[in-house]
Amino acid sequence: MEWNAEIIGWQRRIIISNIVTTYLLAAVMVTFIINIFRGLKKGVIFSRCNTTVIFAGAAIYTLYSFYAYTAMNAATAKHVNSIDTDIFIYPLLIIILGLLHKLAVKASEENNLTI
């Protein structure tokens, strides 16, 4: 880590934000897995609460990607915000998976209503 006195506040914000978004992303993944196991105990494969978790994961991943790329510049004392295509493509794919999960939840619930 190379600290620059002129941009030390920016460096600290980026590094701290990178750490926070890393922990938030890990928490979302753990929540998703716990919800899957709770649903499987009840005999439900697609639980409604995981749809919200997937969409929250997409938003957090967007922030995480931005801070991860920018943290590399902050570590070398370059005051540059980095944006890569991964910041947009992966969250978009996660949102699409979230929409598919939402459809699966509806189909699963509708299937449970029919006898």
Protein backbone atom coordinates (compact mmCIF):
# COMPACT_ATOMS: atom_id res chain seq x y z
CA MET A 1 0.00 0.00 0.00
CA GLU A 2 1.42 3.32 -1.03
CA TRP A 3 -0.12 6.26 0.84
CA ASN A 4 -0.23 9.69 -0.80
CA ALA A 5 -0.85 12.63 1.55
CA GLU A 6 -2.80 14.55 -1.10
CA ILE A 7 -5.36 11.80 -1.69
CA ILE A 8 -5.22 9.83 1.56
CA GLY A 9 -8.89 10.51 2.33
CA TRP A 10 -9.94 9.11 -1.05
CA GLN A 11 -7.64 6.11 -0.59
CA ARG A 12 -9.12 5.32 2.81
CA ARG A 13 -12.70 5.64 1.54
CA ILE A 14 -12.04 3.31 -1.39
CA ILE A 15 -10.20 0.70 0.70
CA ILE A 16 -12.85 0.74 3.46
CA SER A 17 -15.67 0.61 0.90
CA ASN A 18 -13.98 -2.35 -0.78
CA ILE A 19 -13.77 -4.21 2.53
CA VAL A 20 -17.39 -3.40 3.43
CA THR A 21 -18.78 -4.48 0.05
CA THR A 22 -16.74 -7.69 0.23
CA TYR A 23 -18.35 -8.56 3.57
CA LEU A 24 -21.80 -7.57 2.31
CA LEU A 25 -21.40 -9.78 -0.75
CA ALA A 26 -20.30 -12.68 1.44
CA ALA A 27 -23.32 -12.09 3.71
CA VAL A 28 -25.67 -12.17 0.71
CA MET A 29 -24.18 -15.47 -0.47
CA VAL A 30 -24.45 -17.02 2.99
CA THR A 31 -28.06 -15.79 3.29
CA PHE A 32 -28.88 -17.33 -0.10
CA ILE A 33 -27.43 -20.70 0.91
CA ILE A 34 -29.17 -20.67 4.31
CA ASN A 35 -32.50 -19.87 2.62
CA ILE A 36 -31.98 -22.77 0.21
CA PHE A 37 -31.40 -25.23 3.06
CA ARG A 38 -34.41 -23.88 5.01
CA GLY A 39 -36.56 -24.28 1.93
CA LEU A 40 -35.32 -27.82 1.30
CA LYS A 41 -36.26 -28.79 4.87
CA LYS A 42 -39.81 -27.60 4.09
CA GLY A 43 -39.81 -29.30 0.71
CA VAL A 44 -39.61 -26.04 -1.26
CA ILE A 45 -36.94 -25.75 -3.91
CA PHE A 46 -37.60 -22.15 -4.99
CA SER A 47 -38.31 -19.89 -2.01
CA ARG A 48 -39.74 -16.42 -2.53
CA CYS A 49 -37.27 -14.74 -0.14
CA ASN A 50 -34.31 -15.76 -2.30
CA THR A 51 -35.57 -13.61 -5.18
CA THR A 52 -34.98 -10.49 -3.09
CA VAL A 53 -31.60 -11.82 -2.01
CA ILE A 54 -30.59 -12.34 -5.65
CA PHE A 55 -31.56 -8.78 -6.63
CA ALA A 56 -29.75 -7.37 -3.58
CA GLY A 57 -26.72 -9.44 -4.57
CA ALA A 58 -26.73 -7.87 -8.04
CA ALA A 59 -26.72 -4.36 -6.57
CA ILE A 60 -24.00 -5.18 -4.05
CA TYR A 61 -21.91 -6.91 -6.73
CA THR A 62 -22.03 -3.74 -8.83
CA LEU A 63 -20.60 -1.71 -5.95
CA TYR A 64 -18.14 -4.46 -5.10
CA SER A 65 -16.79 -4.56 -8.66
CA PHE A 66 -16.34 -0.80 -8.77
CA TYR A 67 -14.53 -0.66 -5.45
CA ALA A 68 -12.40 -3.73 -6.22
CA TYR A 69 -11.08 -2.24 -9.46
CA THR A 70 -10.63 1.21 -7.95
CA ALA A 71 -8.91 -0.22 -4.84
CA MET A 72 -6.08 -1.45 -7.04
CA ASN A 73 -5.47 2.14 -8.12
CA ALA A 74 -5.83 3.42 -4.57
CA ALA A 75 -3.21 0.94 -3.37
CA THR A 76 -0.69 2.35 -5.84
CA ALA A 77 -1.64 5.98 -5.02
CA LYS A 78 -3.25 6.65 -8.40
CA HIS A 79 -6.34 8.83 -8.08
CA VAL A 80 -8.33 7.08 -10.82
CA ASN A 81 -11.81 5.55 -10.60
CA SER A 82 -11.85 2.36 -12.66
CA ILE A 83 -14.85 1.10 -14.55
CA ASP A 84 -14.77 -2.18 -16.46
CA THR A 85 -17.41 -4.05 -18.44
CA ASP A 86 -17.65 -6.62 -15.62
CA ILE A 87 -19.31 -3.94 -13.50
CA PHE A 88 -22.29 -4.02 -15.85
CA ILE A 89 -22.33 -7.51 -17.40
CA TYR A 90 -22.23 -9.70 -14.29
CA PRO A 91 -24.92 -7.78 -12.37
CA LEU A 92 -27.10 -7.90 -15.50
CA LEU A 93 -26.68 -11.68 -15.63
CA ILE A 94 -27.49 -11.92 -11.92
CA ILE A 95 -30.66 -9.86 -12.48
CA ILE A 96 -31.68 -12.17 -15.33
CA LEU A 97 -31.16 -15.17 -13.04
CA GLY A 98 -33.22 -13.38 -10.39
CA LEU A 99 -36.07 -12.91 -12.88
CA LEU A 100 -35.86 -16.60 -13.83
CA HIS A 101 -35.93 -17.50 -10.15
CA LYS A 102 -39.01 -15.30 -9.69
CA LEU A 103 -40.76 -17.16 -12.53
CA ALA A 104 -39.77 -20.49 -10.99
CA VAL A 105 -41.24 -19.40 -7.64
CA LYS A 106 -44.54 -18.50 -9.33
CA ALA A 107 -44.64 -21.78 -11.22
CA SER A 108 -43.79 -23.74 -8.07
CA GLU A 109 -46.48 -22.00 -6.02
CA GLU A 110 -49.04 -22.48 -8.78
CA ASN A 111 -48.13 -26.14 -9.02
CA ASN A 112 -48.66 -26.56 -5.27
CA LEU A 113 -52.18 -25.10 -5.58
CA THR A 114 -53.28 -27.59 -8.21
CA ILE A 115 -54.28 -31.02 -7.03
